[in-house]
Amino acid sequence: MPILEFLLDLLRDPRSFIADWINQFGPIWVYAPLALILFIETGVVFMPFLPGDSLLFAAGVFATSGGGLNIIVLITVCSLAAILGDTSNYWIGRRLGSVIIASGKVKSLTPERMEKTQSMLDRYGSLAVVLARFFPFIRTFAPFLAGFGHMRYPHFMVFNAMGGILWVNLFTLLGYFFGGIPFVQDHFEWVVIAIVVISLVPAVVGLVRARLSRRADKVQGTDSQSSK
């Protein structure tokens, strides 16, 4: 599928895509596709696999001297896109959450991912909206479940803004300050892969722990039944 191939290529080498956009459309028009991708990743519950972290890092590289992008404009536009994305996802969850979950058509909303996200919301409350920004997949499901659970909207918006600004600043400034290092330039694809892997580690660990916990509960249940 062309869309899937595009997303895989974008995930593997976002730097080349941004460079092509700058060459074709000029720097001023590059902010729009960057903002759109970030909005879709955080604002549409069935698109959690878009490469937000690596895209922000690569964009930060082009905000250095001679790169074509302005770091202040980049951070501002991307922060707004991230905040609006979570806001959209919150209202999707609040208005349509029960229908979407009951339909079973959103395959990315697996029980394991929902359980992991819900446990974070239960444990940290509104602060989970900030923490979820730094976990792929979970950052897409957190605002959806916050809306589905009717988290108070003013509280959600405060932590939504905090999380969006922190997330965008962290990865953009990492690219801005470290993307020009010769080693990073020479091994950019591997650096991007490392960012994705490191971002995924906590989520994977959480899923494994959840499965092991359920398996242990089943074993205990079986043992208790046999003892009777």
C-alpha atoms as a PDB file:
ATOM      1  CA  MET A   1       0.000   0.000   0.000  1.00  0.00           C
ATOM      2  CA  PRO A   2       1.407   3.417  -0.958  1.00  0.00           C
ATOM      3  CA  ILE A   3       0.386   5.008   2.355  1.00  0.00           C
ATOM      4  CA  LEU A   4       2.035   2.244   4.379  1.00  0.00           C
ATOM      5  CA  GLU A   5       5.214   2.504   2.298  1.00  0.00           C
ATOM      6  CA  PHE A   6       5.234   6.280   2.809  1.00  0.00           C
ATOM      7  CA  LEU A   7       4.883   5.905   6.581  1.00  0.00           C
ATOM      8  CA  LEU A   8       7.624   3.278   6.768  1.00  0.00           C
ATOM      9  CA  ASP A   9       9.973   5.455   4.716  1.00  0.00           C
ATOM     10  CA  LEU A  10       9.124   8.467   6.860  1.00  0.00           C
ATOM     11  CA  LEU A  11       9.773   6.471  10.013  1.00  0.00           C
ATOM     12  CA  ARG A  12      13.131   5.229   8.725  1.00  0.00           C
ATOM     13  CA  ASP A  13      14.498   8.474   7.321  1.00  0.00           C
ATOM     14  CA  PRO A  14      12.511  11.606   8.234  1.00  0.00           C
ATOM     15  CA  ARG A  15      15.521  13.796   7.424  1.00  0.00           C
ATOM     16  CA  SER A  16      15.278  13.020   3.692  1.00  0.00           C
ATOM     17  CA  PHE A  17      11.572  13.826   3.618  1.00  0.00           C
ATOM     18  CA  ILE A  18      12.056  17.178   5.322  1.00  0.00           C
ATOM     19  CA  ALA A  19      14.947  18.012   2.985  1.00  0.00           C
ATOM     20  CA  ASP A  20      12.763  17.170  -0.044  1.00  0.00           C
ATOM     21  CA  TRP A  21       9.911  19.293   1.314  1.00  0.00           C
ATOM     22  CA  ILE A  22      12.250  22.258   1.796  1.00  0.00           C
ATOM     23  CA  ASN A  23      13.630  21.883  -1.734  1.00  0.00           C
ATOM     24  CA  GLN A  24      10.217  21.491  -3.354  1.00  0.00           C
ATOM     25  CA  PHE A  25       8.040  23.910  -1.402  1.00  0.00           C
ATOM     26  CA  GLY A  26      10.455  26.216   0.384  1.00  0.00           C
ATOM     27  CA  PRO A  27      11.069  26.358   4.147  1.00  0.00           C
ATOM     28  CA  ILE A  28       7.946  28.351   5.006  1.00  0.00           C
ATOM     29  CA  TRP A  29       5.641  25.577   3.724  1.00  0.00           C
ATOM     30  CA  VAL A  30       7.412  22.778   5.585  1.00  0.00           C
ATOM     31  CA  TYR A  31       5.777  23.667   8.893  1.00  0.00           C
ATOM     32  CA  ALA A  32       2.359  22.628   7.547  1.00  0.00           C
ATOM     33  CA  PRO A  33       3.118  18.928   6.819  1.00  0.00           C
ATOM     34  CA  LEU A  34       5.099  18.646  10.055  1.00  0.00           C
ATOM     35  CA  ALA A  35       2.161  20.036  12.034  1.00  0.00           C
ATOM     36  CA  LEU A  36      -0.317  17.844  10.165  1.00  0.00           C
ATOM     37  CA  ILE A  37       1.595  14.629  10.931  1.00  0.00           C
ATOM     38  CA  LEU A  38       1.908  15.533  14.617  1.00  0.00           C
ATOM     39  CA  PHE A  39      -1.780  16.433  14.778  1.00  0.00           C
ATOM     40  CA  ILE A  40      -2.833  13.144  13.182  1.00  0.00           C
ATOM     41  CA  GLU A  41      -0.560  11.054  15.428  1.00  0.00           C
ATOM     42  CA  THR A  42      -1.946  12.596  18.609  1.00  0.00           C
ATOM     43  CA  GLY A  43      -5.429  13.487  17.391  1.00  0.00           C
ATOM     44  CA  VAL A  44      -6.680  10.381  15.591  1.00  0.00           C
ATOM     45  CA  VAL A  45      -6.919   7.279  17.745  1.00  0.00           C
ATOM     46  CA  PHE A  46      -6.240   4.799  14.927  1.00  0.00           C
ATOM     47  CA  MET A  47      -2.957   6.446  13.806  1.00  0.00           C
ATOM     48  CA  PRO A  48      -0.608   5.839  16.769  1.00  0.00           C
ATOM     49  CA  PHE A  49       2.304   4.589  14.674  1.00  0.00           C
ATOM     50  CA  LEU A  50       3.343   7.902  13.110  1.00  0.00           C
ATOM     51  CA  PRO A  51       6.951   8.880  13.943  1.00  0.00           C
ATOM     52  CA  GLY A  52       6.467  11.949  16.149  1.00  0.00           C
ATOM     53  CA  ASP A  53       9.689  11.655  18.168  1.00  0.00           C
ATOM     54  CA  SER A  54      12.023  11.082  15.227  1.00  0.00           C
ATOM     55  CA  LEU A  55      10.220  13.660  13.079  1.00  0.00           C
ATOM     56  CA  LEU A  56      10.702  16.352  15.725  1.00  0.00           C
ATOM     57  CA  PHE A  57      14.366  15.401  16.109  1.00  0.00           C
ATOM     58  CA  ALA A  58      14.936  15.600  12.345  1.00  0.00           C
ATOM     59  CA  ALA A  59      13.077  18.915  12.112  1.00  0.00           C
ATOM     60  CA  GLY A  60      15.314  20.310  14.845  1.00  0.00           C
ATOM     61  CA  VAL A  61      18.345  19.508  12.697  1.00  0.00           C
ATOM     62  CA  PHE A  62      16.972  21.759   9.936  1.00  0.00           C
ATOM     63  CA  ALA A  63      16.454  24.603  12.409  1.00  0.00           C
ATOM     64  CA  THR A  64      20.211  25.039  12.836  1.00  0.00           C
ATOM     65  CA  SER A  65      22.054  27.744  10.911  1.00  0.00           C
ATOM     66  CA  GLY A  66      21.543  27.245   7.176  1.00  0.00           C
ATOM     67  CA  GLY A  67      18.974  24.491   7.609  1.00  0.00           C
ATOM     68  CA  GLY A  68      16.057  26.596   6.415  1.00  0.00           C
ATOM     69  CA  LEU A  69      13.728  26.345   9.433  1.00  0.00           C
ATOM     70  CA  ASN A  70      13.369  28.762  12.342  1.00  0.00           C
ATOM     71  CA  ILE A  71      13.584  27.076  15.753  1.00  0.00           C
ATOM     72  CA  ILE A  72      11.080  29.435  17.421  1.00  0.00           C
ATOM     73  CA  VAL A  73       8.499  29.047  14.665  1.00  0.00           C
ATOM     74  CA  LEU A  74       9.116  25.293  14.555  1.00  0.00           C
ATOM     75  CA  ILE A  75       8.551  24.813  18.292  1.00  0.00           C
ATOM     76  CA  THR A  76       5.504  27.090  18.297  1.00  0.00           C
ATOM     77  CA  VAL A  77       3.782  25.439  15.324  1.00  0.00           C
ATOM     78  CA  CYS A  78       4.546  21.885  16.449  1.00  0.00           C
ATOM     79  CA  SER A  79       3.466  22.585  20.033  1.00  0.00           C
ATOM     80  CA  LEU A  80       0.139  23.953  18.819  1.00  0.00           C
ATOM     81  CA  ALA A  81      -0.338  20.911  16.569  1.00  0.00           C
ATOM     82  CA  ALA A  82       0.394  18.527  19.452  1.00  0.00           C
ATOM     83  CA  ILE A  83      -1.970  20.343  21.825  1.00  0.00           C
ATOM     84  CA  LEU A  84      -4.765  20.510  19.251  1.00  0.00           C
ATOM     85  CA  GLY A  85      -4.220  16.843  18.433  1.00  0.00           C
ATOM     86  CA  ASP A  86      -4.713  15.733  22.030  1.00  0.00           C
ATOM     87  CA  THR A  87      -7.732  18.036  22.315  1.00  0.00           C
ATOM     88  CA  SER A  88      -9.305  16.415  19.262  1.00  0.00           C
ATOM     89  CA  ASN A  89      -8.619  12.928  20.614  1.00  0.00           C
ATOM     90  CA  TYR A  90     -10.094  13.854  23.998  1.00  0.00           C
ATOM     91  CA  TRP A  91     -13.397  14.857  22.422  1.00  0.00           C
ATOM     92  CA  ILE A  92     -13.429  11.806  20.151  1.00  0.00           C
ATOM     93  CA  GLY A  93     -13.084   9.653  23.261  1.00  0.00           C
ATOM     94  CA  ARG A  94     -15.686  11.643  25.181  1.00  0.00           C
ATOM     95  CA  ARG A  95     -18.322  11.703  22.441  1.00  0.00           C
ATOM     96  CA  LEU A  96     -17.641   8.487  20.525  1.00  0.00           C
ATOM     97  CA  GLY A  97     -15.406   6.400  22.804  1.00  0.00           C
ATOM     98  CA  SER A  98     -17.975   3.770  23.753  1.00  0.00           C
ATOM     99  CA  VAL A  99     -19.050   3.317  20.125  1.00  0.00           C
ATOM    100  CA  ILE A 100     -15.444   3.022  18.859  1.00  0.00           C
ATOM    101  CA  ILE A 101     -14.397   0.546  21.550  1.00  0.00           C
ATOM    102  CA  ALA A 102     -17.537  -1.569  21.161  1.00  0.00           C
ATOM    103  CA  SER A 103     -17.111  -1.759  17.391  1.00  0.00           C
ATOM    104  CA  GLY A 104     -13.702  -3.417  17.679  1.00  0.00           C
ATOM    105  CA  LYS A 105     -12.722  -1.871  14.341  1.00  0.00           C
ATOM    106  CA  VAL A 106      -9.778   0.128  15.686  1.00  0.00           C
ATOM    107  CA  LYS A 107      -7.232  -2.699  15.810  1.00  0.00           C
ATOM    108  CA  SER A 108      -4.619  -0.546  17.489  1.00  0.00           C
ATOM    109  CA  LEU A 109      -6.871  -0.314  20.559  1.00  0.00           C
ATOM    110  CA  THR A 110      -5.726  -3.684  21.869  1.00  0.00           C
ATOM    111  CA  PRO A 111      -6.711  -4.698  25.419  1.00  0.00           C
ATOM    112  CA  GLU A 112      -3.043  -4.637  26.453  1.00  0.00           C
ATOM    113  CA  ARG A 113      -2.475  -1.079  25.225  1.00  0.00           C
ATOM    114  CA  MET A 114      -5.714   0.166  26.727  1.00  0.00           C
ATOM    115  CA  GLU A 115      -4.884  -1.516  30.036  1.00  0.00           C
ATOM    116  CA  LYS A 116      -1.403   0.000  30.086  1.00  0.00           C
ATOM    117  CA  THR A 117      -2.749   3.471  29.296  1.00  0.00           C
ATOM    118  CA  GLN A 118      -5.605   3.189  31.763  1.00  0.00           C
ATOM    119  CA  SER A 119      -3.281   2.037  34.544  1.00  0.00           C
ATOM    120  CA  MET A 120      -1.114   5.123  33.918  1.00  0.00           C
ATOM    121  CA  LEU A 121      -4.189   7.369  34.087  1.00  0.00           C
ATOM    122  CA  ASP A 122      -5.363   5.652  37.285  1.00  0.00           C
ATOM    123  CA  ARG A 123      -1.949   5.931  38.903  1.00  0.00           C
ATOM    124  CA  TYR A 124      -0.959   9.465  37.927  1.00  0.00           C
ATOM    125  CA  GLY A 125      -4.286  11.144  37.179  1.00  0.00           C
ATOM    126  CA  SER A 126      -4.035  14.284  35.057  1.00  0.00           C
ATOM    127  CA  LEU A 127      -0.231  14.094  35.174  1.00  0.00           C
ATOM    128  CA  ALA A 128      -0.469  10.956  33.020  1.00  0.00           C
ATOM    129  CA  VAL A 129      -1.485  13.195  30.106  1.00  0.00           C
ATOM    130  CA  VAL A 130       1.982  14.773  30.349  1.00  0.00           C
ATOM    131  CA  LEU A 131       3.870  11.495  30.897  1.00  0.00           C
ATOM    132  CA  ALA A 132       2.057   9.739  28.043  1.00  0.00           C
ATOM    133  CA  ARG A 133       3.537  12.197  25.540  1.00  0.00           C
ATOM    134  CA  PHE A 134       6.873  10.417  25.818  1.00  0.00           C
ATOM    135  CA  PHE A 135       5.540   6.916  25.069  1.00  0.00           C
ATOM    136  CA  PRO A 136       4.645   5.970  21.472  1.00  0.00           C
ATOM    137  CA  PHE A 137       1.133   4.519  21.094  1.00  0.00           C
ATOM    138  CA  ILE A 138       0.250   5.478  24.677  1.00  0.00           C
ATOM    139  CA  ARG A 139       0.400   9.187  23.800  1.00  0.00           C
ATOM    140  CA  THR A 140      -2.329   8.537  21.218  1.00  0.00           C
ATOM    141  CA  PHE A 141      -4.550   6.501  23.542  1.00  0.00           C
ATOM    142  CA  ALA A 142      -4.166   8.642  26.699  1.00  0.00           C
ATOM    143  CA  PRO A 143      -6.275  11.631  25.553  1.00  0.00           C
ATOM    144  CA  PHE A 144      -8.847   9.269  24.032  1.00  0.00           C
ATOM    145  CA  LEU A 145      -9.242   7.383  27.327  1.00  0.00           C
ATOM    146  CA  ALA A 146      -9.138  10.642  29.304  1.00  0.00           C
ATOM    147  CA  GLY A 147     -12.132  11.826  27.292  1.00  0.00           C
ATOM    148  CA  PHE A 148     -13.821   8.432  27.501  1.00  0.00           C
ATOM    149  CA  GLY A 149     -13.400   8.514  31.286  1.00  0.00           C
ATOM    150  CA  HIS A 150     -14.751  12.102  31.422  1.00  0.00           C
ATOM    151  CA  MET A 151     -11.638  13.625  32.938  1.00  0.00           C
ATOM    152  CA  ARG A 152     -12.471  17.247  33.711  1.00  0.00           C
ATOM    153  CA  TYR A 153     -11.718  19.235  30.571  1.00  0.00           C
ATOM    154  CA  PRO A 154     -10.000  22.234  32.275  1.00  0.00           C
ATOM    155  CA  HIS A 155      -7.619  19.855  34.090  1.00  0.00           C
ATOM    156  CA  PHE A 156      -7.006  17.931  30.892  1.00  0.00           C
ATOM    157  CA  MET A 157      -6.189  21.088  28.924  1.00  0.00           C
ATOM    158  CA  VAL A 158      -3.641  22.320  31.477  1.00  0.00           C
ATOM    159  CA  PHE A 159      -1.707  19.059  31.412  1.00  0.00           C
ATOM    160  CA  ASN A 160      -2.271  18.657  27.670  1.00  0.00           C
ATOM    161  CA  ALA A 161      -0.534  22.002  27.062  1.00  0.00           C
ATOM    162  CA  MET A 162       2.284  21.152  29.468  1.00  0.00           C
ATOM    163  CA  GLY A 163       2.883  17.772  27.853  1.00  0.00           C
ATOM    164  CA  GLY A 164       2.733  19.059  24.286  1.00  0.00           C
ATOM    165  CA  ILE A 165       5.180  21.876  24.934  1.00  0.00           C
ATOM    166  CA  LEU A 166       7.631  19.679  26.870  1.00  0.00           C
ATOM    167  CA  TRP A 167       7.529  16.875  24.290  1.00  0.00           C
ATOM    168  CA  VAL A 168       8.055  19.164  21.304  1.00  0.00           C
ATOM    169  CA  ASN A 169      10.816  21.151  23.008  1.00  0.00           C
ATOM    170  CA  LEU A 170      12.714  18.056  24.141  1.00  0.00           C
ATOM    171  CA  PHE A 171      12.985  16.284  20.800  1.00  0.00           C
ATOM    172  CA  THR A 172      13.257  19.414  18.669  1.00  0.00           C
ATOM    173  CA  LEU A 173      16.055  20.863  20.778  1.00  0.00           C
ATOM    174  CA  LEU A 174      17.863  17.508  20.837  1.00  0.00           C
ATOM    175  CA  GLY A 175      17.983  17.689  17.039  1.00  0.00           C
ATOM    176  CA  TYR A 176      18.850  21.380  17.118  1.00  0.00           C
ATOM    177  CA  PHE A 177      21.837  21.013  19.462  1.00  0.00           C
ATOM    178  CA  PHE A 178      23.096  17.525  18.615  1.00  0.00           C
ATOM    179  CA  GLY A 179      21.900  16.853  15.057  1.00  0.00           C
ATOM    180  CA  GLY A 180      24.883  18.672  13.546  1.00  0.00           C
ATOM    181  CA  ILE A 181      27.478  16.442  15.223  1.00  0.00           C
ATOM    182  CA  PRO A 182      29.397  14.577  12.480  1.00  0.00           C
ATOM    183  CA  PHE A 183      28.744  11.164  14.055  1.00  0.00           C
ATOM    184  CA  VAL A 184      25.000  11.857  14.148  1.00  0.00           C
ATOM    185  CA  GLN A 185      25.037  13.124  10.569  1.00  0.00           C
ATOM    186  CA  ASP A 186      26.935  10.054   9.351  1.00  0.00           C
ATOM    187  CA  HIS A 187      24.701   7.586  11.203  1.00  0.00           C
ATOM    188  CA  PHE A 188      21.422   9.474  11.122  1.00  0.00           C
ATOM    189  CA  GLU A 189      19.201   6.496  10.280  1.00  0.00           C
ATOM    190  CA  TRP A 190      20.650   4.519  13.179  1.00  0.00           C
ATOM    191  CA  VAL A 191      20.144   7.471  15.515  1.00  0.00           C
ATOM    192  CA  VAL A 192      16.498   7.683  14.446  1.00  0.00           C
ATOM    193  CA  ILE A 193      16.060   3.943  14.997  1.00  0.00           C
ATOM    194  CA  ALA A 194      17.658   4.309  18.439  1.00  0.00           C
ATOM    195  CA  ILE A 195      15.208   7.097  19.331  1.00  0.00           C
ATOM    196  CA  VAL A 196      12.270   4.920  18.290  1.00  0.00           C
ATOM    197  CA  VAL A 197      13.577   1.865  20.167  1.00  0.00           C
ATOM    198  CA  ILE A 198      14.320   3.803  23.357  1.00  0.00           C
ATOM    199  CA  SER A 199      10.856   5.374  23.209  1.00  0.00           C
ATOM    200  CA  LEU A 200       9.237   1.956  22.797  1.00  0.00           C
ATOM    201  CA  VAL A 201      11.136   0.159  25.574  1.00  0.00           C
ATOM    202  CA  PRO A 202       8.904   1.304  28.480  1.00  0.00           C
ATOM    203  CA  ALA A 203       5.745   0.413  26.560  1.00  0.00           C
ATOM    204  CA  VAL A 204       7.063  -3.043  25.641  1.00  0.00           C
ATOM    205  CA  VAL A 205       8.167  -3.706  29.220  1.00  0.00           C
ATOM    206  CA  GLY A 206       4.736  -2.673  30.448  1.00  0.00           C
ATOM    207  CA  LEU A 207       2.975  -5.006  28.003  1.00  0.00           C
ATOM    208  CA  VAL A 208       5.205  -7.946  28.976  1.00  0.00           C
ATOM    209  CA  ARG A 209       4.609  -7.310  32.672  1.00  0.00           C
ATOM    210  CA  ALA A 210       0.851  -7.098  32.100  1.00  0.00           C
ATOM    211  CA  ARG A 211       0.812 -10.409  30.230  1.00  0.00           C
ATOM    212  CA  LEU A 212       2.943 -12.123  32.869  1.00  0.00           C
ATOM    213  CA  SER A 213       0.648 -10.777  35.577  1.00  0.00           C
ATOM    214  CA  ARG A 214      -2.453 -12.105  33.803  1.00  0.00           C
ATOM    215  CA  ARG A 215      -0.757 -15.464  33.276  1.00  0.00           C
ATOM    216  CA  ALA A 216       0.153 -15.644  36.956  1.00  0.00           C
ATOM    217  CA  ASP A 217      -3.447 -14.801  37.906  1.00  0.00           C
ATOM    218  CA  LYS A 218      -4.718 -17.591  35.648  1.00  0.00           C
ATOM    219  CA  VAL A 219      -2.293 -20.082  37.197  1.00  0.00           C
ATOM    220  CA  GLN A 220      -3.344 -19.058  40.691  1.00  0.00           C
ATOM    221  CA  GLY A 221      -6.997 -19.366  39.706  1.00  0.00           C
ATOM    222  CA  THR A 222      -6.414 -22.833  38.278  1.00  0.00           C
ATOM    223  CA  ASP A 223      -4.522 -23.916  41.395  1.00  0.00           C
ATOM    224  CA  SER A 224      -7.250 -22.626  43.701  1.00  0.00           C
ATOM    225  CA  GLN A 225      -9.928 -24.459  41.711  1.00  0.00           C
ATOM    226  CA  SER A 226      -7.954 -27.725  41.727  1.00  0.00           C
ATOM    227  CA  SER A 227      -7.381 -27.490  45.464  1.00  0.00           C
ATOM    228  CA  LYS A 228     -11.140 -27.356  45.980  1.00  0.00           C
END
